């Protein structure tokens, strides 16, 4: 029918005439208003999602809980989850935040609130449903067409998410969240120290993923340091044998440097010859 239209106002059909008021190419149906504009790109991934300790039921709990935590952090930070575009990635999510939302709001307080949500969940969770999350944030042009998303900003964010320093930081600290911000996001949204995240807690890292050399800033939240007790330092060597251990029983009187009471000397240590 449209092959014979020739851009006239009325198109005859077999039964009715169609009046064409506006022409919209079919490919634009898949293009949101933010397509090709600078958007914040947030990429998350659950560490060890397919680990043997998790059953299929555990993995479903983790997925459901992750989305609950993400929605809660977005709502608490004032960023509309419904206004964002999100794709499920099985063990994580890719979220495109439209350009009218400042990247600063996504970086802080949203990520700080997400870390708090994770901490609360993990404090009550058994190992199979504990969530250790990696996250990466970048900003740049993102396009969407009938086939999905594309853009260098998504590729850059994905490579930060997969960065060896980020994976190692999360594993070594047994943390709730290991987050990497691109250099641009750190300089423009985090370095000013205007929110909940202290820029001094970020570490600059440089790494290579595939053909990309990337410099970014990393933050670890909810770390669980080891509980090993440091060994006491040995007593200094005075060159003299140790003094005997004296135990006091019954009534003990202390007058200045003098201690008087019923006592016996522990001969496990030889007495000191003071002559």
C-alpha atoms as a PDB file:
ATOM      1  CA  UNK A   1       0.000   0.000   0.000  1.00  0.00           C
ATOM      2  CA  UNK A   2       2.681   2.525   0.983  1.00  0.00           C
ATOM      3  CA  UNK A   3       4.617   1.713  -2.185  1.00  0.00           C
ATOM      4  CA  UNK A   4       1.858   3.549  -4.100  1.00  0.00           C
ATOM      5  CA  UNK A   5       1.470   6.343  -1.560  1.00  0.00           C
ATOM      6  CA  UNK A   6       3.820   8.886  -3.185  1.00  0.00           C
ATOM      7  CA  UNK A   7       3.530  11.078  -0.066  1.00  0.00           C
ATOM      8  CA  UNK A   8      -0.007  12.243  -0.772  1.00  0.00           C
ATOM      9  CA  UNK A   9      -2.363  13.115   2.032  1.00  0.00           C
ATOM     10  CA  UNK A  10      -4.950  10.400   1.317  1.00  0.00           C
ATOM     11  CA  UNK A  11      -4.104   6.789   0.488  1.00  0.00           C
ATOM     12  CA  UNK A  12      -6.912   4.689  -1.046  1.00  0.00           C
ATOM     13  CA  UNK A  13      -7.201   1.103   0.170  1.00  0.00           C
ATOM     14  CA  UNK A  14      -9.560  -1.744  -0.647  1.00  0.00           C
ATOM     15  CA  UNK A  15     -12.202  -0.607   1.842  1.00  0.00           C
ATOM     16  CA  UNK A  16     -11.281   2.818   3.253  1.00  0.00           C
ATOM     17  CA  UNK A  17      -9.142   5.828   2.588  1.00  0.00           C
ATOM     18  CA  UNK A  18      -6.267   6.421   5.047  1.00  0.00           C
ATOM     19  CA  UNK A  19      -5.342   9.981   5.884  1.00  0.00           C
ATOM     20  CA  UNK A  20      -1.587  10.289   6.573  1.00  0.00           C
ATOM     21  CA  UNK A  21      -0.921  13.053   9.092  1.00  0.00           C
ATOM     22  CA  UNK A  22       2.638  12.241  10.179  1.00  0.00           C
ATOM     23  CA  UNK A  23       5.319   9.993   8.814  1.00  0.00           C
ATOM     24  CA  UNK A  24       7.586   8.192  11.287  1.00  0.00           C
ATOM     25  CA  UNK A  25      10.261   5.781  10.029  1.00  0.00           C
ATOM     26  CA  UNK A  26       9.893   2.333  11.509  1.00  0.00           C
ATOM     27  CA  UNK A  27      13.431   2.329  12.947  1.00  0.00           C
ATOM     28  CA  UNK A  28      12.626   5.355  15.134  1.00  0.00           C
ATOM     29  CA  UNK A  29      10.151   3.230  17.090  1.00  0.00           C
ATOM     30  CA  UNK A  30      13.159   1.659  18.804  1.00  0.00           C
ATOM     31  CA  UNK A  31      15.001   4.916  19.433  1.00  0.00           C
ATOM     32  CA  UNK A  32      14.326   6.607  22.766  1.00  0.00           C
ATOM     33  CA  UNK A  33      14.786  10.340  23.164  1.00  0.00           C
ATOM     34  CA  UNK A  34      18.222   9.856  24.707  1.00  0.00           C
ATOM     35  CA  UNK A  35      19.628   7.803  21.843  1.00  0.00           C
ATOM     36  CA  UNK A  36      22.992   9.195  20.626  1.00  0.00           C
ATOM     37  CA  UNK A  37      23.177  11.592  23.593  1.00  0.00           C
ATOM     38  CA  UNK A  38      25.561  11.561  26.581  1.00  0.00           C
ATOM     39  CA  UNK A  39      24.160   9.147  29.152  1.00  0.00           C
ATOM     40  CA  UNK A  40      25.463   7.698  32.394  1.00  0.00           C
ATOM     41  CA  UNK A  41      26.281   4.020  31.972  1.00  0.00           C
ATOM     42  CA  UNK A  42      26.137   1.859  35.112  1.00  0.00           C
ATOM     43  CA  UNK A  43      27.170  -1.769  34.762  1.00  0.00           C
ATOM     44  CA  UNK A  44      26.948  -4.293  37.622  1.00  0.00           C
ATOM     45  CA  UNK A  45      27.998  -7.917  38.037  1.00  0.00           C
ATOM     46  CA  UNK A  46      27.584 -10.383  40.924  1.00  0.00           C
ATOM     47  CA  UNK A  47      30.890 -12.057  41.735  1.00  0.00           C
ATOM     48  CA  UNK A  48      30.843 -15.842  41.802  1.00  0.00           C
ATOM     49  CA  UNK A  49      27.264 -15.999  40.555  1.00  0.00           C
ATOM     50  CA  UNK A  50      27.728 -19.501  39.121  1.00  0.00           C
ATOM     51  CA  UNK A  51      29.831 -20.789  42.038  1.00  0.00           C
ATOM     52  CA  UNK A  52      29.111 -24.412  43.065  1.00  0.00           C
ATOM     53  CA  UNK A  53      27.992 -23.230  46.511  1.00  0.00           C
ATOM     54  CA  UNK A  54      24.873 -21.734  44.899  1.00  0.00           C
ATOM     55  CA  UNK A  55      21.899 -23.798  43.762  1.00  0.00           C
ATOM     56  CA  UNK A  56      19.491 -22.672  41.055  1.00  0.00           C
ATOM     57  CA  UNK A  57      17.145 -21.522  43.798  1.00  0.00           C
ATOM     58  CA  UNK A  58      19.999 -19.549  45.409  1.00  0.00           C
ATOM     59  CA  UNK A  59      20.797 -17.852  42.110  1.00  0.00           C
ATOM     60  CA  UNK A  60      17.177 -16.841  41.690  1.00  0.00           C
ATOM     61  CA  UNK A  61      17.184 -15.348  45.190  1.00  0.00           C
ATOM     62  CA  UNK A  62      20.378 -13.421  44.363  1.00  0.00           C
ATOM     63  CA  UNK A  63      18.892 -12.076  41.114  1.00  0.00           C
ATOM     64  CA  UNK A  64      15.650 -11.012  42.767  1.00  0.00           C
ATOM     65  CA  UNK A  65      17.452  -9.426  45.697  1.00  0.00           C
ATOM     66  CA  UNK A  66      19.901  -7.588  43.447  1.00  0.00           C
ATOM     67  CA  UNK A  67      17.081  -5.886  41.587  1.00  0.00           C
ATOM     68  CA  UNK A  68      15.380  -5.036  44.885  1.00  0.00           C
ATOM     69  CA  UNK A  69      18.614  -3.404  46.074  1.00  0.00           C
ATOM     70  CA  UNK A  70      19.102  -1.507  42.805  1.00  0.00           C
ATOM     71  CA  UNK A  71      15.535  -0.194  42.784  1.00  0.00           C
ATOM     72  CA  UNK A  72      15.840   0.821  46.422  1.00  0.00           C
ATOM     73  CA  UNK A  73      19.127   2.668  45.881  1.00  0.00           C
ATOM     74  CA  UNK A  74      17.734   4.467  42.831  1.00  0.00           C
ATOM     75  CA  UNK A  75      14.581   5.492  44.692  1.00  0.00           C
ATOM     76  CA  UNK A  76      16.485   6.710  47.761  1.00  0.00           C
ATOM     77  CA  UNK A  77      18.850   8.766  45.598  1.00  0.00           C
ATOM     78  CA  UNK A  78      16.004  10.441  43.695  1.00  0.00           C
ATOM     79  CA  UNK A  79      16.883   8.805  40.361  1.00  0.00           C
ATOM     80  CA  UNK A  80      13.848   7.231  38.712  1.00  0.00           C
ATOM     81  CA  UNK A  81      14.430   3.554  37.944  1.00  0.00           C
ATOM     82  CA  UNK A  82      11.466   3.612  35.550  1.00  0.00           C
ATOM     83  CA  UNK A  83      12.979   6.504  33.582  1.00  0.00           C
ATOM     84  CA  UNK A  84      16.188   4.527  32.988  1.00  0.00           C
ATOM     85  CA  UNK A  85      16.767   1.847  30.403  1.00  0.00           C
ATOM     86  CA  UNK A  86      18.003  -1.439  31.875  1.00  0.00           C
ATOM     87  CA  UNK A  87      19.022  -4.771  30.422  1.00  0.00           C
ATOM     88  CA  UNK A  88      19.341  -7.942  32.450  1.00  0.00           C
ATOM     89  CA  UNK A  89      22.723  -9.622  31.999  1.00  0.00           C
ATOM     90  CA  UNK A  90      22.018 -12.799  33.982  1.00  0.00           C
ATOM     91  CA  UNK A  91      24.492 -12.130  36.777  1.00  0.00           C
ATOM     92  CA  UNK A  92      24.076  -8.363  36.725  1.00  0.00           C
ATOM     93  CA  UNK A  93      22.441  -5.431  35.009  1.00  0.00           C
ATOM     94  CA  UNK A  94      23.311  -2.732  32.500  1.00  0.00           C
ATOM     95  CA  UNK A  95      21.564   0.546  33.277  1.00  0.00           C
ATOM     96  CA  UNK A  96      21.444   3.568  30.963  1.00  0.00           C
ATOM     97  CA  UNK A  97      20.552   6.738  32.855  1.00  0.00           C
ATOM     98  CA  UNK A  98      19.137   9.457  30.562  1.00  0.00           C
ATOM     99  CA  UNK A  99      21.110  12.669  30.061  1.00  0.00           C
ATOM    100  CA  UNK A 100      18.725  14.842  32.087  1.00  0.00           C
ATOM    101  CA  UNK A 101      19.900  13.030  35.237  1.00  0.00           C
ATOM    102  CA  UNK A 102      23.295  14.376  36.374  1.00  0.00           C
ATOM    103  CA  UNK A 103      26.054  11.769  36.508  1.00  0.00           C
ATOM    104  CA  UNK A 104      26.922  13.146  39.952  1.00  0.00           C
ATOM    105  CA  UNK A 105      23.613  11.782  41.294  1.00  0.00           C
ATOM    106  CA  UNK A 106      24.398   8.324  39.928  1.00  0.00           C
ATOM    107  CA  UNK A 107      27.912   8.341  41.366  1.00  0.00           C
ATOM    108  CA  UNK A 108      26.960   9.822  44.720  1.00  0.00           C
ATOM    109  CA  UNK A 109      24.687   9.248  46.583  1.00  0.00           C
ATOM    110  CA  UNK A 110      23.330   6.336  44.522  1.00  0.00           C
ATOM    111  CA  UNK A 111      26.425   4.131  44.812  1.00  0.00           C
ATOM    112  CA  UNK A 112      26.898   4.941  48.484  1.00  0.00           C
ATOM    113  CA  UNK A 113      23.273   3.976  49.118  1.00  0.00           C
ATOM    114  CA  UNK A 114      23.713   0.774  47.113  1.00  0.00           C
ATOM    115  CA  UNK A 115      26.731  -0.130  49.255  1.00  0.00           C
ATOM    116  CA  UNK A 116      24.622   0.390  52.387  1.00  0.00           C
ATOM    117  CA  UNK A 117      21.846  -1.822  50.975  1.00  0.00           C
ATOM    118  CA  UNK A 118      24.374  -4.550  50.192  1.00  0.00           C
ATOM    119  CA  UNK A 119      25.865  -4.333  53.663  1.00  0.00           C
ATOM    120  CA  UNK A 120      22.455  -4.774  55.286  1.00  0.00           C
ATOM    121  CA  UNK A 121      21.628  -7.729  53.044  1.00  0.00           C
ATOM    122  CA  UNK A 122      24.961  -9.491  53.569  1.00  0.00           C
ATOM    123  CA  UNK A 123      24.855  -9.071  57.336  1.00  0.00           C
ATOM    124  CA  UNK A 124      21.808 -11.358  57.414  1.00  0.00           C
ATOM    125  CA  UNK A 125      22.555 -13.572  54.402  1.00  0.00           C
ATOM    126  CA  UNK A 126      24.012 -17.071  54.344  1.00  0.00           C
ATOM    127  CA  UNK A 127      26.989 -17.674  52.058  1.00  0.00           C
ATOM    128  CA  UNK A 128      24.999 -19.073  49.084  1.00  0.00           C
ATOM    129  CA  UNK A 129      22.919 -15.894  48.782  1.00  0.00           C
ATOM    130  CA  UNK A 130      25.508 -13.325  49.797  1.00  0.00           C
ATOM    131  CA  UNK A 131      26.020 -10.665  47.129  1.00  0.00           C
ATOM    132  CA  UNK A 132      29.470  -9.315  46.337  1.00  0.00           C
ATOM    133  CA  UNK A 133      28.981  -6.788  43.584  1.00  0.00           C
ATOM    134  CA  UNK A 134      31.297  -5.207  41.061  1.00  0.00           C
ATOM    135  CA  UNK A 135      30.103  -1.967  39.491  1.00  0.00           C
ATOM    136  CA  UNK A 136      31.497   0.455  36.915  1.00  0.00           C
ATOM    137  CA  UNK A 137      30.312   3.908  35.891  1.00  0.00           C
ATOM    138  CA  UNK A 138      31.126   5.956  32.805  1.00  0.00           C
ATOM    139  CA  UNK A 139      29.398   8.636  30.759  1.00  0.00           C
ATOM    140  CA  UNK A 140      29.221   9.105  27.005  1.00  0.00           C
ATOM    141  CA  UNK A 141      27.052   8.808  23.887  1.00  0.00           C
ATOM    142  CA  UNK A 142      24.820   5.732  23.825  1.00  0.00           C
ATOM    143  CA  UNK A 143      22.647   4.691  20.890  1.00  0.00           C
ATOM    144  CA  UNK A 144      19.751   2.288  20.772  1.00  0.00           C
ATOM    145  CA  UNK A 145      18.281   0.770  17.630  1.00  0.00           C
ATOM    146  CA  UNK A 146      16.120  -2.231  16.781  1.00  0.00           C
ATOM    147  CA  UNK A 147      18.954  -4.595  17.635  1.00  0.00           C
ATOM    148  CA  UNK A 148      19.919  -3.124  21.024  1.00  0.00           C
ATOM    149  CA  UNK A 149      22.523  -0.782  22.490  1.00  0.00           C
ATOM    150  CA  UNK A 150      25.832   0.354  21.104  1.00  0.00           C
ATOM    151  CA  UNK A 151      28.443   2.980  21.815  1.00  0.00           C
ATOM    152  CA  UNK A 152      32.028   3.359  22.993  1.00  0.00           C
ATOM    153  CA  UNK A 153      30.773   4.357  26.460  1.00  0.00           C
ATOM    154  CA  UNK A 154      29.247   0.898  26.939  1.00  0.00           C
ATOM    155  CA  UNK A 155      32.436  -0.833  25.780  1.00  0.00           C
ATOM    156  CA  UNK A 156      34.564   1.310  28.116  1.00  0.00           C
ATOM    157  CA  UNK A 157      32.269   0.585  31.075  1.00  0.00           C
ATOM    158  CA  UNK A 158      32.285  -3.147  30.360  1.00  0.00           C
ATOM    159  CA  UNK A 159      36.074  -3.190  30.316  1.00  0.00           C
ATOM    160  CA  UNK A 160      36.271  -1.387  33.645  1.00  0.00           C
ATOM    161  CA  UNK A 161      33.820  -3.893  35.111  1.00  0.00           C
ATOM    162  CA  UNK A 162      36.038  -6.741  33.920  1.00  0.00           C
ATOM    163  CA  UNK A 163      39.292  -5.102  35.055  1.00  0.00           C
ATOM    164  CA  UNK A 164      41.649  -7.422  36.987  1.00  0.00           C
ATOM    165  CA  UNK A 165      42.305  -4.775  39.716  1.00  0.00           C
ATOM    166  CA  UNK A 166      38.575  -4.524  40.426  1.00  0.00           C
ATOM    167  CA  UNK A 167      38.117  -8.279  40.624  1.00  0.00           C
ATOM    168  CA  UNK A 168      41.152  -8.675  42.884  1.00  0.00           C
ATOM    169  CA  UNK A 169      40.110  -5.816  45.186  1.00  0.00           C
ATOM    170  CA  UNK A 170      36.678  -7.362  45.740  1.00  0.00           C
ATOM    171  CA  UNK A 171      38.151 -10.808  46.376  1.00  0.00           C
ATOM    172  CA  UNK A 172      40.994  -9.715  48.647  1.00  0.00           C
ATOM    173  CA  UNK A 173      38.860  -7.462  50.841  1.00  0.00           C
ATOM    174  CA  UNK A 174      35.851  -9.823  50.882  1.00  0.00           C
ATOM    175  CA  UNK A 175      33.912  -6.612  50.313  1.00  0.00           C
ATOM    176  CA  UNK A 176      30.251  -5.945  49.575  1.00  0.00           C
ATOM    177  CA  UNK A 177      30.990  -3.618  46.662  1.00  0.00           C
ATOM    178  CA  UNK A 178      33.981  -2.819  44.491  1.00  0.00           C
ATOM    179  CA  UNK A 179      33.257   0.169  42.293  1.00  0.00           C
ATOM    180  CA  UNK A 180      35.244   1.701  39.460  1.00  0.00           C
ATOM    181  CA  UNK A 181      34.629   5.179  38.078  1.00  0.00           C
ATOM    182  CA  UNK A 182      36.126   6.370  34.833  1.00  0.00           C
ATOM    183  CA  UNK A 183      38.644   9.194  35.043  1.00  0.00           C
ATOM    184  CA  UNK A 184      36.031  11.582  33.621  1.00  0.00           C
ATOM    185  CA  UNK A 185      33.411  10.613  36.212  1.00  0.00           C
ATOM    186  CA  UNK A 186      35.902  10.918  39.068  1.00  0.00           C
ATOM    187  CA  UNK A 187      37.145  14.332  37.965  1.00  0.00           C
ATOM    188  CA  UNK A 188      33.698  15.810  37.296  1.00  0.00           C
ATOM    189  CA  UNK A 189      31.432  14.095  39.822  1.00  0.00           C
ATOM    190  CA  UNK A 190      33.460  12.647  42.717  1.00  0.00           C
ATOM    191  CA  UNK A 191      36.611  14.665  43.255  1.00  0.00           C
ATOM    192  CA  UNK A 192      34.780  17.689  44.665  1.00  0.00           C
ATOM    193  CA  UNK A 193      33.950  15.800  47.895  1.00  0.00           C
ATOM    194  CA  UNK A 194      30.370  17.104  47.867  1.00  0.00           C
ATOM    195  CA  UNK A 195      28.538  13.879  48.724  1.00  0.00           C
ATOM    196  CA  UNK A 196      28.635  10.711  50.797  1.00  0.00           C
ATOM    197  CA  UNK A 197      31.713   9.216  49.125  1.00  0.00           C
ATOM    198  CA  UNK A 198      35.073  10.526  50.277  1.00  0.00           C
ATOM    199  CA  UNK A 199      37.322  10.958  47.211  1.00  0.00           C
ATOM    200  CA  UNK A 200      40.308  10.087  49.431  1.00  0.00           C
ATOM    201  CA  UNK A 201      38.965   6.512  49.611  1.00  0.00           C
ATOM    202  CA  UNK A 202      39.454   6.071  45.860  1.00  0.00           C
ATOM    203  CA  UNK A 203      42.604   4.558  44.408  1.00  0.00           C
ATOM    204  CA  UNK A 204      43.844   5.394  40.938  1.00  0.00           C
ATOM    205  CA  UNK A 205      44.545   2.296  38.863  1.00  0.00           C
ATOM    206  CA  UNK A 206      45.866   1.746  35.365  1.00  0.00           C
ATOM    207  CA  UNK A 207      45.352  -1.491  33.482  1.00  0.00           C
ATOM    208  CA  UNK A 208      45.050  -2.968  30.035  1.00  0.00           C
ATOM    209  CA  UNK A 209      41.988  -4.883  28.825  1.00  0.00           C
ATOM    210  CA  UNK A 210      42.172  -6.209  25.273  1.00  0.00           C
ATOM    211  CA  UNK A 211      43.455  -3.314  23.177  1.00  0.00           C
ATOM    212  CA  UNK A 212      42.498  -0.581  25.658  1.00  0.00           C
ATOM    213  CA  UNK A 213      44.817   1.057  28.189  1.00  0.00           C
ATOM    214  CA  UNK A 214      42.539   2.494  30.874  1.00  0.00           C
ATOM    215  CA  UNK A 215      43.137   4.741  33.859  1.00  0.00           C
ATOM    216  CA  UNK A 216      40.290   4.864  36.374  1.00  0.00           C
ATOM    217  CA  UNK A 217      39.500   5.289  40.067  1.00  0.00           C
ATOM    218  CA  UNK A 218      38.484   2.426  42.344  1.00  0.00           C
ATOM    219  CA  UNK A 219      36.574   2.346  45.637  1.00  0.00           C
ATOM    220  CA  UNK A 220      35.917  -0.664  47.895  1.00  0.00           C
ATOM    221  CA  UNK A 221      33.002  -0.617  50.349  1.00  0.00           C
ATOM    222  CA  UNK A 222      32.106  -2.994  53.171  1.00  0.00           C
ATOM    223  CA  UNK A 223      35.463  -4.763  53.380  1.00  0.00           C
ATOM    224  CA  UNK A 224      35.939  -7.502  55.932  1.00  0.00           C
ATOM    225  CA  UNK A 225      39.564  -7.404  57.164  1.00  0.00           C
ATOM    226  CA  UNK A 226      41.160 -10.514  58.619  1.00  0.00           C
ATOM    227  CA  UNK A 227      40.864 -11.089  62.350  1.00  0.00           C
ATOM    228  CA  UNK A 228      44.352 -12.480  62.964  1.00  0.00           C
ATOM    229  CA  UNK A 229      45.856 -11.157  66.158  1.00  0.00           C
ATOM    230  CA  UNK A 230      49.344  -9.694  65.859  1.00  0.00           C
ATOM    231  CA  UNK A 231      51.993 -11.506  67.862  1.00  0.00           C
ATOM    232  CA  UNK A 232      53.349  -9.696  70.901  1.00  0.00           C
ATOM    233  CA  UNK A 233      56.877  -8.386  70.532  1.00  0.00           C
ATOM    234  CA  UNK A 234      59.455 -10.435  72.476  1.00  0.00           C
ATOM    235  CA  UNK A 235      60.913  -8.791  75.600  1.00  0.00           C
ATOM    236  CA  UNK A 236      64.162  -6.917  75.067  1.00  0.00           C
ATOM    237  CA  UNK A 237      67.376  -8.820  75.673  1.00  0.00           C
ATOM    238  CA  UNK A 238      69.075  -7.199  78.720  1.00  0.00           C
ATOM    239  CA  UNK A 239      71.873  -9.754  78.958  1.00  0.00           C
ATOM    240  CA  UNK A 240      70.648 -10.814  82.418  1.00  0.00           C
ATOM    241  CA  UNK A 241      68.701 -13.946  83.371  1.00  0.00           C
ATOM    242  CA  UNK A 242      65.009 -13.382  84.013  1.00  0.00           C
ATOM    243  CA  UNK A 243      63.826 -12.643  87.550  1.00  0.00           C
ATOM    244  CA  UNK A 244      61.781 -15.264  89.406  1.00  0.00           C
ATOM    245  CA  UNK A 245      58.010 -14.937  89.320  1.00  0.00           C
ATOM    246  CA  UNK A 246      56.633 -14.042  92.765  1.00  0.00           C
ATOM    247  CA  UNK A 247      53.010 -14.919  93.604  1.00  0.00           C
ATOM    248  CA  UNK A 248      51.213 -13.224  96.529  1.00  0.00           C
ATOM    249  CA  UNK A 249      48.362 -14.767  98.506  1.00  0.00           C
ATOM    250  CA  UNK A 250      46.089 -13.677 101.334  1.00  0.00           C
ATOM    251  CA  UNK A 251      46.472 -10.029 102.338  1.00  0.00           C
ATOM    252  CA  UNK A 252      48.748  -7.856 100.228  1.00  0.00           C
ATOM    253  CA  UNK A 253      49.872  -4.398 101.354  1.00  0.00           C
ATOM    254  CA  UNK A 254      51.267  -1.862  98.895  1.00  0.00           C
ATOM    255  CA  UNK A 255      53.256   1.126 100.209  1.00  0.00           C
ATOM    256  CA  UNK A 256      55.015   3.056  97.480  1.00  0.00           C
ATOM    257  CA  UNK A 257      57.464   0.688  95.792  1.00  0.00           C
ATOM    258  CA  UNK A 258      57.137  -1.946  98.575  1.00  0.00           C
ATOM    259  CA  UNK A 259      54.775  -4.898  98.367  1.00  0.00           C
ATOM    260  CA  UNK A 260      54.336  -6.966 101.557  1.00  0.00           C
ATOM    261  CA  UNK A 261      52.353 -10.186 101.869  1.00  0.00           C
ATOM    262  CA  UNK A 262      52.445 -13.957 102.035  1.00  0.00           C
ATOM    263  CA  UNK A 263      54.394 -15.101  99.010  1.00  0.00           C
ATOM    264  CA  UNK A 264      56.300 -17.868  97.366  1.00  0.00           C
ATOM    265  CA  UNK A 265      58.840 -17.768  94.552  1.00  0.00           C
ATOM    266  CA  UNK A 266      58.229 -19.662  91.308  1.00  0.00           C
ATOM    267  CA  UNK A 267      61.480 -21.563  90.771  1.00  0.00           C
ATOM    268  CA  UNK A 268      60.601 -22.200  87.154  1.00  0.00           C
ATOM    269  CA  UNK A 269      62.786 -19.146  86.668  1.00  0.00           C
ATOM    270  CA  UNK A 270      66.124 -19.098  88.473  1.00  0.00           C
ATOM    271  CA  UNK A 271      66.556 -16.250  90.998  1.00  0.00           C
ATOM    272  CA  UNK A 272      68.840 -13.450  90.092  1.00  0.00           C
ATOM    273  CA  UNK A 273      72.175 -13.389  91.940  1.00  0.00           C
ATOM    274  CA  UNK A 274      72.407  -9.809  93.176  1.00  0.00           C
ATOM    275  CA  UNK A 275      75.763 -10.099  95.010  1.00  0.00           C
END
